[in-house]
Amino acid sequence: MITTTQQKTLRQHAAAYLEKAGFPVTAHELQAIAIADFGMSNPYFEGAQILTMFATERISAKLIVLFPGQILPEHWHPPVGDDPGKEEIIRGYFGTVLYYEEGEENLDSSEVPVGKENCYTARSRIDLVPGAQVIIPPGRKHWMKGGESGGCVISFSTCVRDILDQFTDTKVIRTTMVVEG
């Protein structure tokens, strides 16, 4: 849960990142940046700022801003009916976003949040700097963390069903609750 004041501040901070990155966005789009706290009520630690540029029944594109050290929790895109699940391409655009996926472990254990070792099991790290990209097949566990100065990635994916994403941390709630304050 976050307050309307937190939501406004996080949205303004994300808008500043996008302006610094030079990505062309409208004033209306900046006001539509979604703030995700994943039910943890600590959005600067576990959270993300997401601007959906477009989403059709078949494809979507988003800008995901992560502040320094901010974590988008480990998750995967499950199958839905006959569909094998969302496939996603994430490309570094501005700053650095640390991306982790299942595979050969190559990170320092201090990168995993203390007390949440069982919630962050994907430990093959790839630094998403401008131009670097990863292709995430359906079902692959992954998570991201803002680098030292934070960063922004562009996400292209098949049909958006973010509400159906599965999280390793069973305490995660995908829909952010916003209260007055």
N, C-alpha and C. Protein backbone atom coordinates (compact mmCIF):
# COMPACT_ATOMS: atom_id res chain seq x y z
N MET A 1 0.85 -1.17 0.00
CA MET A 1 0.00 0.00 0.00
C MET A 1 0.90 1.24 0.00
N ILE A 2 0.53 2.21 -0.83
CA ILE A 2 1.24 3.48 -0.86
C ILE A 2 0.23 4.61 -0.73
N THR A 3 0.71 5.78 -0.36
CA THR A 3 -0.18 6.94 -0.25
C THR A 3 -0.20 7.70 -1.58
N THR A 4 -1.19 8.55 -1.73
CA THR A 4 -1.27 9.37 -2.94
C THR A 4 -0.05 10.28 -3.05
N THR A 5 0.48 10.73 -1.91
CA THR A 5 1.68 11.57 -1.91
C THR A 5 2.88 10.77 -2.40
N GLN A 6 3.04 9.53 -1.92
CA GLN A 6 4.13 8.68 -2.40
C GLN A 6 3.99 8.43 -3.90
N GLN A 7 2.77 8.15 -4.33
CA GLN A 7 2.52 7.87 -5.75
C GLN A 7 2.94 9.06 -6.60
N LYS A 8 2.55 10.26 -6.19
CA LYS A 8 2.88 11.47 -6.93
C LYS A 8 4.39 11.69 -6.97
N THR A 9 5.05 11.51 -5.84
CA THR A 9 6.51 11.71 -5.76
C THR A 9 7.25 10.70 -6.63
N LEU A 10 6.86 9.42 -6.55
CA LEU A 10 7.49 8.38 -7.35
C LEU A 10 7.27 8.62 -8.84
N ARG A 11 6.08 9.05 -9.20
CA ARG A 11 5.76 9.34 -10.60
C ARG A 11 6.62 10.50 -11.11
N GLN A 12 6.77 11.55 -10.29
CA GLN A 12 7.60 12.70 -10.68
C GLN A 12 9.07 12.29 -10.82
N HIS A 13 9.53 11.47 -9.90
CA HIS A 13 10.91 11.00 -9.94
C HIS A 13 11.14 10.17 -11.21
N ALA A 14 10.20 9.29 -11.54
CA ALA A 14 10.30 8.47 -12.76
C ALA A 14 10.26 9.35 -14.01
N ALA A 15 9.40 10.37 -14.00
CA ALA A 15 9.30 11.28 -15.13
C ALA A 15 10.64 11.99 -15.35
N ALA A 16 11.32 12.36 -14.26
CA ALA A 16 12.63 13.01 -14.36
C ALA A 16 13.65 12.07 -15.01
N TYR A 17 13.60 10.78 -14.66
CA TYR A 17 14.50 9.79 -15.29
C TYR A 17 14.24 9.73 -16.78
N LEU A 18 12.97 9.66 -17.17
CA LEU A 18 12.63 9.55 -18.58
C LEU A 18 13.04 10.81 -19.35
N GLU A 19 12.87 11.98 -18.72
CA GLU A 19 13.27 13.22 -19.37
C GLU A 19 14.79 13.26 -19.53
N LYS A 20 15.53 12.83 -18.48
CA LYS A 20 16.99 12.79 -18.55
C LYS A 20 17.45 11.80 -19.63
N ALA A 21 16.71 10.71 -19.78
CA ALA A 21 17.05 9.69 -20.78
C ALA A 21 16.77 10.18 -22.20
N GLY A 22 15.94 11.21 -22.32
CA GLY A 22 15.64 11.74 -23.64
C GLY A 22 14.60 10.94 -24.41
N PHE A 23 13.86 10.08 -23.72
CA PHE A 23 12.83 9.30 -24.41
C PHE A 23 11.61 10.20 -24.61
N PRO A 24 11.08 10.27 -25.84
CA PRO A 24 9.94 11.17 -26.09
C PRO A 24 8.64 10.63 -25.49
N VAL A 25 8.15 11.33 -24.48
CA VAL A 25 6.88 10.97 -23.85
C VAL A 25 6.05 12.24 -23.69
N THR A 26 4.75 12.07 -23.70
CA THR A 26 3.85 13.22 -23.55
C THR A 26 3.59 13.48 -22.07
N ALA A 27 3.07 14.66 -21.78
CA ALA A 27 2.70 15.01 -20.40
C ALA A 27 1.62 14.04 -19.90
N HIS A 28 0.71 13.68 -20.78
CA HIS A 28 -0.35 12.73 -20.41
C HIS A 28 0.25 11.38 -20.02
N GLU A 29 1.23 10.91 -20.79
CA GLU A 29 1.88 9.63 -20.48
C GLU A 29 2.61 9.69 -19.14
N LEU A 30 3.27 10.80 -18.87
CA LEU A 30 4.00 10.93 -17.60
C LEU A 30 3.05 10.83 -16.40
N GLN A 31 1.83 11.33 -16.58
CA GLN A 31 0.83 11.24 -15.50
C GLN A 31 0.25 9.83 -15.38
N ALA A 32 0.49 9.00 -16.40
CA ALA A 32 -0.05 7.64 -16.40
C ALA A 32 0.98 6.60 -15.94
N ILE A 33 2.13 7.03 -15.48
CA ILE A 33 3.14 6.07 -15.01
C ILE A 33 2.56 5.30 -13.83
N ALA A 34 2.52 3.98 -13.95
CA ALA A 34 2.01 3.13 -12.87
C ALA A 34 3.11 2.93 -11.84
N ILE A 35 2.73 3.03 -10.58
CA ILE A 35 3.65 2.80 -9.47
C ILE A 35 3.29 1.45 -8.86
N ALA A 36 4.25 0.55 -8.86
CA ALA A 36 4.02 -0.79 -8.29
C ALA A 36 4.83 -0.94 -7.01
N ASP A 37 4.16 -1.35 -5.95
CA ASP A 37 4.87 -1.63 -4.69
C ASP A 37 4.80 -3.11 -4.34
N PHE A 38 4.11 -3.89 -5.16
CA PHE A 38 4.01 -5.33 -5.02
C PHE A 38 3.49 -5.75 -3.64
N GLY A 39 2.68 -4.88 -3.05
CA GLY A 39 2.07 -5.18 -1.76
C GLY A 39 3.03 -5.11 -0.59
N MET A 40 4.24 -4.61 -0.82
CA MET A 40 5.26 -4.59 0.23
C MET A 40 5.30 -3.28 1.00
N SER A 41 4.60 -2.26 0.49
CA SER A 41 4.53 -0.94 1.14
C SER A 41 5.90 -0.29 1.35
N ASN A 42 6.86 -0.67 0.54
CA ASN A 42 8.20 -0.09 0.59
C ASN A 42 8.69 0.05 -0.84
N PRO A 43 8.04 0.95 -1.62
CA PRO A 43 8.31 1.00 -3.06
C PRO A 43 9.72 1.39 -3.45
N TYR A 44 10.46 2.07 -2.58
CA TYR A 44 11.85 2.40 -2.94
C TYR A 44 12.76 1.19 -2.82
N PHE A 45 12.33 0.15 -2.10
CA PHE A 45 13.10 -1.08 -1.99
C PHE A 45 12.59 -2.12 -2.98
N GLU A 46 11.31 -2.47 -2.88
CA GLU A 46 10.70 -3.41 -3.82
C GLU A 46 9.57 -2.67 -4.52
N GLY A 47 9.83 -2.30 -5.76
CA GLY A 47 8.85 -1.54 -6.50
C GLY A 47 9.33 -1.31 -7.91
N ALA A 48 8.52 -0.62 -8.70
CA ALA A 48 8.89 -0.27 -10.08
C ALA A 48 7.95 0.82 -10.56
N GLN A 49 8.43 1.60 -11.50
CA GLN A 49 7.63 2.63 -12.15
C GLN A 49 7.50 2.19 -13.60
N ILE A 50 6.26 2.03 -14.05
CA ILE A 50 6.03 1.41 -15.36
C ILE A 50 5.12 2.29 -16.21
N LEU A 51 5.62 2.65 -17.38
CA LEU A 51 4.81 3.39 -18.34
C LEU A 51 4.49 2.46 -19.50
N THR A 52 3.22 2.10 -19.61
CA THR A 52 2.79 1.27 -20.74
C THR A 52 2.55 2.20 -21.93
N MET A 53 3.39 2.05 -22.94
CA MET A 53 3.25 2.89 -24.13
C MET A 53 2.09 2.42 -25.01
N PHE A 54 1.95 1.09 -25.11
CA PHE A 54 0.80 0.53 -25.80
C PHE A 54 0.66 -0.93 -25.39
N ALA A 55 -0.57 -1.41 -25.48
CA ALA A 55 -0.86 -2.82 -25.19
C ALA A 55 -2.06 -3.22 -26.03
N THR A 56 -1.84 -4.16 -26.95
CA THR A 56 -2.94 -4.70 -27.74
C THR A 56 -3.18 -6.13 -27.26
N GLU A 57 -4.03 -6.82 -27.93
CA GLU A 57 -4.29 -8.22 -27.56
C GLU A 57 -3.10 -9.11 -27.86
N ARG A 58 -2.15 -8.63 -28.68
CA ARG A 58 -1.04 -9.48 -29.10
C ARG A 58 0.35 -8.99 -28.69
N ILE A 59 0.51 -7.69 -28.45
CA ILE A 59 1.85 -7.16 -28.18
C ILE A 59 1.77 -5.91 -27.30
N SER A 60 2.86 -5.65 -26.57
CA SER A 60 2.90 -4.44 -25.75
C SER A 60 4.32 -3.91 -25.66
N ALA A 61 4.43 -2.64 -25.27
CA ALA A 61 5.72 -2.02 -25.02
C ALA A 61 5.60 -1.15 -23.78
N LYS A 62 6.61 -1.25 -22.92
CA LYS A 62 6.61 -0.50 -21.66
C LYS A 62 7.99 0.08 -21.42
N LEU A 63 8.04 1.14 -20.67
CA LEU A 63 9.27 1.66 -20.11
C LEU A 63 9.23 1.33 -18.63
N ILE A 64 10.26 0.71 -18.12
CA ILE A 64 10.33 0.36 -16.69
C ILE A 64 11.50 1.12 -16.09
N VAL A 65 11.20 1.97 -15.12
CA VAL A 65 12.21 2.76 -14.42
C VAL A 65 12.45 2.12 -13.06
N LEU A 66 13.73 1.90 -12.76
CA LEU A 66 14.11 1.39 -11.43
C LEU A 66 15.13 2.37 -10.84
N PHE A 67 14.84 2.83 -9.64
CA PHE A 67 15.73 3.74 -8.94
C PHE A 67 16.91 2.96 -8.37
N PRO A 68 17.97 3.64 -7.92
CA PRO A 68 19.14 2.92 -7.39
C PRO A 68 18.75 1.90 -6.31
N GLY A 69 19.11 0.64 -6.56
CA GLY A 69 18.84 -0.45 -5.60
C GLY A 69 17.40 -0.92 -5.55
N GLN A 70 16.49 -0.28 -6.25
CA GLN A 70 15.08 -0.69 -6.25
C GLN A 70 14.92 -2.00 -7.00
N ILE A 71 14.13 -2.91 -6.43
CA ILE A 71 13.99 -4.26 -6.97
C ILE A 71 12.58 -4.52 -7.50
N LEU A 72 12.53 -5.03 -8.72
CA LEU A 72 11.29 -5.58 -9.26
C LEU A 72 11.38 -7.07 -8.94
N PRO A 73 10.52 -7.58 -8.03
CA PRO A 73 10.68 -8.94 -7.49
C PRO A 73 10.71 -10.06 -8.52
N GLU A 74 11.34 -11.16 -8.10
CA GLU A 74 11.46 -12.35 -8.95
C GLU A 74 10.08 -12.89 -9.31
N HIS A 75 9.91 -13.17 -10.59
CA HIS A 75 8.63 -13.68 -11.09
C HIS A 75 8.85 -14.43 -12.39
N TRP A 76 7.78 -15.01 -12.89
CA TRP A 76 7.79 -15.67 -14.19
C TRP A 76 6.42 -15.52 -14.80
N HIS A 77 6.35 -15.75 -16.10
CA HIS A 77 5.10 -15.60 -16.85
C HIS A 77 4.56 -16.99 -17.16
N PRO A 78 3.51 -17.40 -16.46
CA PRO A 78 2.98 -18.76 -16.60
C PRO A 78 2.13 -18.94 -17.87
N PRO A 79 1.91 -20.20 -18.23
CA PRO A 79 1.00 -20.46 -19.35
C PRO A 79 -0.43 -20.05 -18.98
N VAL A 80 -1.19 -19.67 -20.01
CA VAL A 80 -2.60 -19.30 -19.83
C VAL A 80 -3.37 -20.03 -20.92
N GLY A 81 -4.16 -21.02 -20.52
CA GLY A 81 -4.89 -21.81 -21.49
C GLY A 81 -3.93 -22.49 -22.45
N ASP A 82 -4.13 -22.30 -23.75
CA ASP A 82 -3.26 -22.89 -24.77
C ASP A 82 -2.01 -22.06 -25.04
N ASP A 83 -1.95 -20.85 -24.47
CA ASP A 83 -0.81 -19.96 -24.67
C ASP A 83 0.31 -20.37 -23.71
N PRO A 84 1.55 -20.49 -24.19
CA PRO A 84 2.65 -20.93 -23.31
C PRO A 84 3.05 -19.90 -22.25
N GLY A 85 2.54 -18.66 -22.37
CA GLY A 85 2.89 -17.60 -21.43
C GLY A 85 3.57 -16.47 -22.17
N LYS A 86 3.67 -15.35 -21.49
CA LYS A 86 4.23 -14.15 -22.09
C LYS A 86 5.71 -14.33 -22.40
N GLU A 87 6.11 -13.93 -23.59
CA GLU A 87 7.52 -13.85 -23.96
C GLU A 87 7.87 -12.37 -23.93
N GLU A 88 9.07 -12.05 -23.43
CA GLU A 88 9.43 -10.65 -23.22
C GLU A 88 10.87 -10.39 -23.68
N ILE A 89 11.07 -9.23 -24.28
CA ILE A 89 12.40 -8.76 -24.64
C ILE A 89 12.63 -7.49 -23.84
N ILE A 90 13.71 -7.46 -23.08
CA ILE A 90 14.03 -6.28 -22.29
C ILE A 90 15.36 -5.73 -22.79
N ARG A 91 15.35 -4.43 -23.08
CA ARG A 91 16.54 -3.77 -23.64
C ARG A 91 16.91 -2.57 -22.78
N GLY A 92 18.18 -2.50 -22.41
CA GLY A 92 18.66 -1.35 -21.65
C GLY A 92 18.52 -0.08 -22.46
N TYR A 93 18.06 0.99 -21.80
CA TYR A 93 17.88 2.26 -22.51
C TYR A 93 18.68 3.40 -21.86
N PHE A 94 18.67 3.44 -20.52
CA PHE A 94 19.30 4.55 -19.81
C PHE A 94 19.83 4.03 -18.48
N GLY A 95 21.02 4.45 -18.11
CA GLY A 95 21.59 4.02 -16.84
C GLY A 95 21.89 2.53 -16.88
N THR A 96 21.78 1.89 -15.72
CA THR A 96 22.03 0.45 -15.63
C THR A 96 20.94 -0.21 -14.81
N VAL A 97 20.41 -1.29 -15.35
CA VAL A 97 19.47 -2.15 -14.62
C VAL A 97 20.13 -3.52 -14.56
N LEU A 98 20.24 -4.05 -13.36
CA LEU A 98 20.80 -5.38 -13.17
C LEU A 98 19.67 -6.38 -13.36
N TYR A 99 19.87 -7.31 -14.27
CA TYR A 99 18.85 -8.31 -14.60
C TYR A 99 19.37 -9.67 -14.14
N TYR A 100 18.51 -10.44 -13.51
CA TYR A 100 18.88 -11.77 -13.00
C TYR A 100 17.90 -12.79 -13.56
N GLU A 101 18.44 -13.93 -14.01
CA GLU A 101 17.59 -15.00 -14.50
C GLU A 101 18.15 -16.34 -14.03
N GLU A 102 17.36 -17.37 -14.23
CA GLU A 102 17.83 -18.72 -13.92
C GLU A 102 19.02 -19.03 -14.81
N GLY A 103 19.97 -19.76 -14.28
CA GLY A 103 21.16 -20.12 -15.05
C GLY A 103 22.36 -20.21 -14.13
N GLU A 104 23.54 -20.16 -14.73
CA GLU A 104 24.77 -20.28 -13.96
C GLU A 104 24.91 -19.08 -13.02
N GLU A 105 25.04 -19.37 -11.73
CA GLU A 105 25.14 -18.31 -10.73
C GLU A 105 26.45 -17.55 -10.90
N ASN A 106 26.34 -16.21 -11.00
CA ASN A 106 27.53 -15.40 -11.18
C ASN A 106 27.44 -14.07 -10.43
N LEU A 107 26.72 -14.06 -9.30
CA LEU A 107 26.60 -12.82 -8.57
C LEU A 107 27.11 -12.98 -7.15
N ASP A 108 27.46 -11.87 -6.58
CA ASP A 108 27.88 -11.81 -5.19
C ASP A 108 26.63 -12.01 -4.33
N SER A 109 26.71 -12.84 -3.31
CA SER A 109 25.53 -13.11 -2.47
C SER A 109 24.99 -11.85 -1.80
N SER A 110 25.80 -10.79 -1.69
CA SER A 110 25.31 -9.55 -1.08
C SER A 110 24.29 -8.85 -1.96
N GLU A 111 24.17 -9.24 -3.24
CA GLU A 111 23.19 -8.64 -4.14
C GLU A 111 21.77 -9.13 -3.85
N VAL A 112 21.66 -10.25 -3.15
CA VAL A 112 20.35 -10.81 -2.82
C VAL A 112 19.86 -10.17 -1.53
N PRO A 113 18.62 -9.67 -1.50
CA PRO A 113 18.11 -9.03 -0.29
C PRO A 113 18.22 -9.94 0.94
N VAL A 114 18.78 -9.38 2.01
CA VAL A 114 18.95 -10.13 3.26
C VAL A 114 17.59 -10.58 3.79
N GLY A 115 17.52 -11.84 4.17
CA GLY A 115 16.28 -12.41 4.69
C GLY A 115 15.32 -12.87 3.61
N LYS A 116 15.66 -12.63 2.34
CA LYS A 116 14.77 -13.02 1.24
C LYS A 116 15.50 -13.93 0.25
N GLU A 117 16.50 -14.64 0.74
CA GLU A 117 17.29 -15.51 -0.13
C GLU A 117 16.42 -16.52 -0.87
N ASN A 118 15.36 -17.01 -0.23
CA ASN A 118 14.48 -17.99 -0.87
C ASN A 118 13.53 -17.35 -1.89
N CYS A 119 13.45 -16.02 -1.87
CA CYS A 119 12.55 -15.31 -2.79
C CYS A 119 13.27 -14.82 -4.05
N TYR A 120 14.61 -14.89 -4.03
CA TYR A 120 15.41 -14.43 -5.16
C TYR A 120 16.39 -15.55 -5.54
N THR A 121 15.87 -16.51 -6.29
CA THR A 121 16.63 -17.72 -6.60
C THR A 121 17.32 -17.65 -7.96
N ALA A 122 16.88 -16.75 -8.85
CA ALA A 122 17.51 -16.57 -10.15
C ALA A 122 18.76 -15.74 -9.94
N ARG A 123 19.94 -16.32 -10.21
CA ARG A 123 21.18 -15.64 -9.82
C ARG A 123 22.22 -15.55 -10.91
N SER A 124 21.76 -15.59 -12.15
CA SER A 124 22.65 -15.36 -13.28
C SER A 124 22.44 -13.90 -13.69
N ARG A 125 23.45 -13.07 -13.47
CA ARG A 125 23.31 -11.62 -13.66
C ARG A 125 23.79 -11.15 -15.03
N ILE A 126 23.00 -10.25 -15.61
CA ILE A 126 23.34 -9.57 -16.85
C ILE A 126 23.08 -8.09 -16.61
N ASP A 127 24.07 -7.25 -16.90
CA ASP A 127 23.91 -5.81 -16.73
C ASP A 127 23.27 -5.23 -17.99
N LEU A 128 22.09 -4.66 -17.82
CA LEU A 128 21.39 -4.05 -18.95
C LEU A 128 21.76 -2.57 -19.01
N VAL A 129 22.81 -2.30 -19.77
CA VAL A 129 23.23 -0.94 -20.07
C VAL A 129 22.60 -0.58 -21.41
N PRO A 130 22.63 0.68 -21.83
CA PRO A 130 22.00 1.02 -23.11
C PRO A 130 22.47 0.11 -24.26
N GLY A 131 21.49 -0.50 -24.91
CA GLY A 131 21.77 -1.38 -26.04
C GLY A 131 21.83 -2.86 -25.70
N ALA A 132 22.08 -3.20 -24.44
CA ALA A 132 22.12 -4.62 -24.04
C ALA A 132 20.68 -5.12 -23.91
N GLN A 133 20.45 -6.37 -24.30
CA GLN A 133 19.09 -6.89 -24.17
C GLN A 133 19.08 -8.37 -23.86
N VAL A 134 17.94 -8.80 -23.32
CA VAL A 134 17.72 -10.21 -23.03
C VAL A 134 16.36 -10.59 -23.60
N ILE A 135 16.24 -11.87 -23.96
CA ILE A 135 14.96 -12.42 -24.40
C ILE A 135 14.54 -13.41 -23.33
N ILE A 136 13.37 -13.18 -22.78
CA ILE A 136 12.88 -14.01 -21.68
C ILE A 136 11.78 -14.92 -22.19
N PRO A 137 12.05 -16.22 -22.27
CA PRO A 137 11.00 -17.14 -22.71
C PRO A 137 9.94 -17.32 -21.63
N PRO A 138 8.75 -17.77 -21.99
CA PRO A 138 7.72 -18.02 -21.00
C PRO A 138 8.24 -18.96 -19.91
N GLY A 139 7.86 -18.68 -18.68
CA GLY A 139 8.19 -19.57 -17.57
C GLY A 139 9.55 -19.38 -16.93
N ARG A 140 10.43 -18.55 -17.48
CA ARG A 140 11.77 -18.35 -16.89
C ARG A 140 11.70 -17.34 -15.75
N LYS A 141 12.18 -17.75 -14.57
CA LYS A 141 12.23 -16.85 -13.42
C LYS A 141 13.24 -15.74 -13.69
N HIS A 142 12.86 -14.51 -13.31
CA HIS A 142 13.74 -13.38 -13.47
C HIS A 142 13.34 -12.25 -12.53
N TRP A 143 14.30 -11.36 -12.26
CA TRP A 143 14.05 -10.16 -11.47
C TRP A 143 15.04 -9.10 -11.88
N MET A 144 14.77 -7.86 -11.47
CA MET A 144 15.65 -6.76 -11.85
C MET A 144 15.90 -5.85 -10.65
N LYS A 145 17.01 -5.13 -10.75
CA LYS A 145 17.38 -4.21 -9.68
C LYS A 145 18.04 -2.98 -10.32
N GLY A 146 17.66 -1.80 -9.84
CA GLY A 146 18.28 -0.58 -10.33
C GLY A 146 19.75 -0.55 -9.98
N GLY A 147 20.60 -0.16 -10.93
CA GLY A 147 22.04 -0.06 -10.70
C GLY A 147 22.37 1.11 -9.79
N GLU A 148 23.64 1.41 -9.68
CA GLU A 148 24.12 2.44 -8.75
C GLU A 148 23.41 3.78 -8.93
N SER A 149 23.12 4.16 -10.17
CA SER A 149 22.42 5.41 -10.45
C SER A 149 21.00 5.17 -10.96
N GLY A 150 20.54 3.92 -10.89
CA GLY A 150 19.23 3.57 -11.41
C GLY A 150 19.28 3.40 -12.92
N GLY A 151 18.12 3.15 -13.50
CA GLY A 151 18.09 2.97 -14.94
C GLY A 151 16.69 2.77 -15.48
N CYS A 152 16.63 2.66 -16.79
CA CYS A 152 15.36 2.46 -17.49
C CYS A 152 15.57 1.43 -18.58
N VAL A 153 14.64 0.51 -18.69
CA VAL A 153 14.65 -0.48 -19.76
C VAL A 153 13.36 -0.36 -20.56
N ILE A 154 13.42 -0.83 -21.78
CA ILE A 154 12.22 -0.94 -22.62
C ILE A 154 11.85 -2.41 -22.65
N SER A 155 10.59 -2.70 -22.41
CA SER A 155 10.08 -4.07 -22.44
C SER A 155 9.12 -4.21 -23.61
N PHE A 156 9.40 -5.18 -24.47
CA PHE A 156 8.49 -5.55 -25.55
C PHE A 156 8.02 -6.96 -25.21
N SER A 157 6.72 -7.19 -25.29
CA SER A 157 6.25 -8.53 -24.95
C SER A 157 5.01 -8.90 -25.73
N THR A 158 4.76 -10.19 -25.69
CA THR A 158 3.50 -10.68 -26.22
C THR A 158 2.41 -10.26 -25.25
N CYS A 159 1.23 -10.64 -25.48
CA CYS A 159 0.04 -10.24 -24.71
C CYS A 159 0.33 -9.99 -23.22
N VAL A 160 -0.09 -8.84 -22.76
CA VAL A 160 0.14 -8.45 -21.36
C VAL A 160 -0.90 -9.08 -20.46
N ARG A 161 -0.41 -9.83 -19.50
CA ARG A 161 -1.26 -10.42 -18.47
C ARG A 161 -0.52 -10.30 -17.13
N ASP A 162 0.01 -9.11 -16.85
CA ASP A 162 0.85 -8.92 -15.68
C ASP A 162 0.17 -9.37 -14.39
N ILE A 163 -1.11 -9.23 -14.32
CA ILE A 163 -1.84 -9.61 -13.11
C ILE A 163 -1.72 -11.12 -12.84
N LEU A 164 -1.38 -11.90 -13.88
CA LEU A 164 -1.25 -13.34 -13.72
C LEU A 164 0.19 -13.80 -13.46
N ASP A 165 1.15 -12.83 -13.47
CA ASP A 165 2.54 -13.21 -13.17
C ASP A 165 2.59 -13.94 -11.84
N GLN A 166 3.49 -14.89 -11.76
CA GLN A 166 3.69 -15.66 -10.52
C GLN A 166 4.98 -15.17 -9.87
N PHE A 167 4.96 -15.03 -8.55
CA PHE A 167 6.11 -14.51 -7.81
C PHE A 167 6.65 -15.55 -6.85
N THR A 168 7.97 -15.61 -6.74
CA THR A 168 8.61 -16.54 -5.81
C THR A 168 8.25 -16.17 -4.38
N ASP A 169 8.21 -14.88 -4.08
CA ASP A 169 7.80 -14.40 -2.76
C ASP A 169 6.28 -14.44 -2.70
N THR A 170 5.74 -15.35 -1.91
CA THR A 170 4.29 -15.54 -1.84
C THR A 170 3.57 -14.35 -1.19
N LYS A 171 4.32 -13.41 -0.62
CA LYS A 171 3.70 -12.22 -0.01
C LYS A 171 3.44 -11.12 -1.04
N VAL A 172 3.96 -11.27 -2.25
CA VAL A 172 3.77 -10.26 -3.29
C VAL A 172 2.31 -10.20 -3.70
N ILE A 173 1.83 -8.98 -3.84
CA ILE A 173 0.49 -8.70 -4.37
C ILE A 173 0.71 -7.83 -5.59
N ARG A 174 0.27 -8.28 -6.75
CA ARG A 174 0.58 -7.57 -8.01
C ARG A 174 -0.11 -6.21 -8.12
N THR A 175 -1.28 -6.05 -7.56
CA THR A 175 -2.01 -4.79 -7.67
C THR A 175 -1.67 -3.88 -6.50
N THR A 176 -1.23 -2.68 -6.81
CA THR A 176 -0.86 -1.71 -5.78
C THR A 176 -2.12 -1.01 -5.26
N MET A 177 -2.25 -0.96 -3.94
CA MET A 177 -3.36 -0.24 -3.31
C MET A 177 -2.85 1.16 -2.97
N VAL A 178 -3.61 2.18 -3.37
CA VAL A 178 -3.24 3.57 -3.10
C VAL A 178 -4.29 4.16 -2.17
N VAL A 179 -3.82 4.76 -1.05
CA VAL A 179 -4.72 5.38 -0.09
C VAL A 179 -4.41 6.88 0.01
N GLU A 180 -5.38 7.64 0.45
CA GLU A 180 -5.18 9.09 0.62
C GLU A 180 -4.10 9.34 1.65
N GLY A 181 -3.33 10.37 1.39
CA GLY A 181 -2.32 10.74 2.40
C GLY A 181 -1.08 11.30 1.78
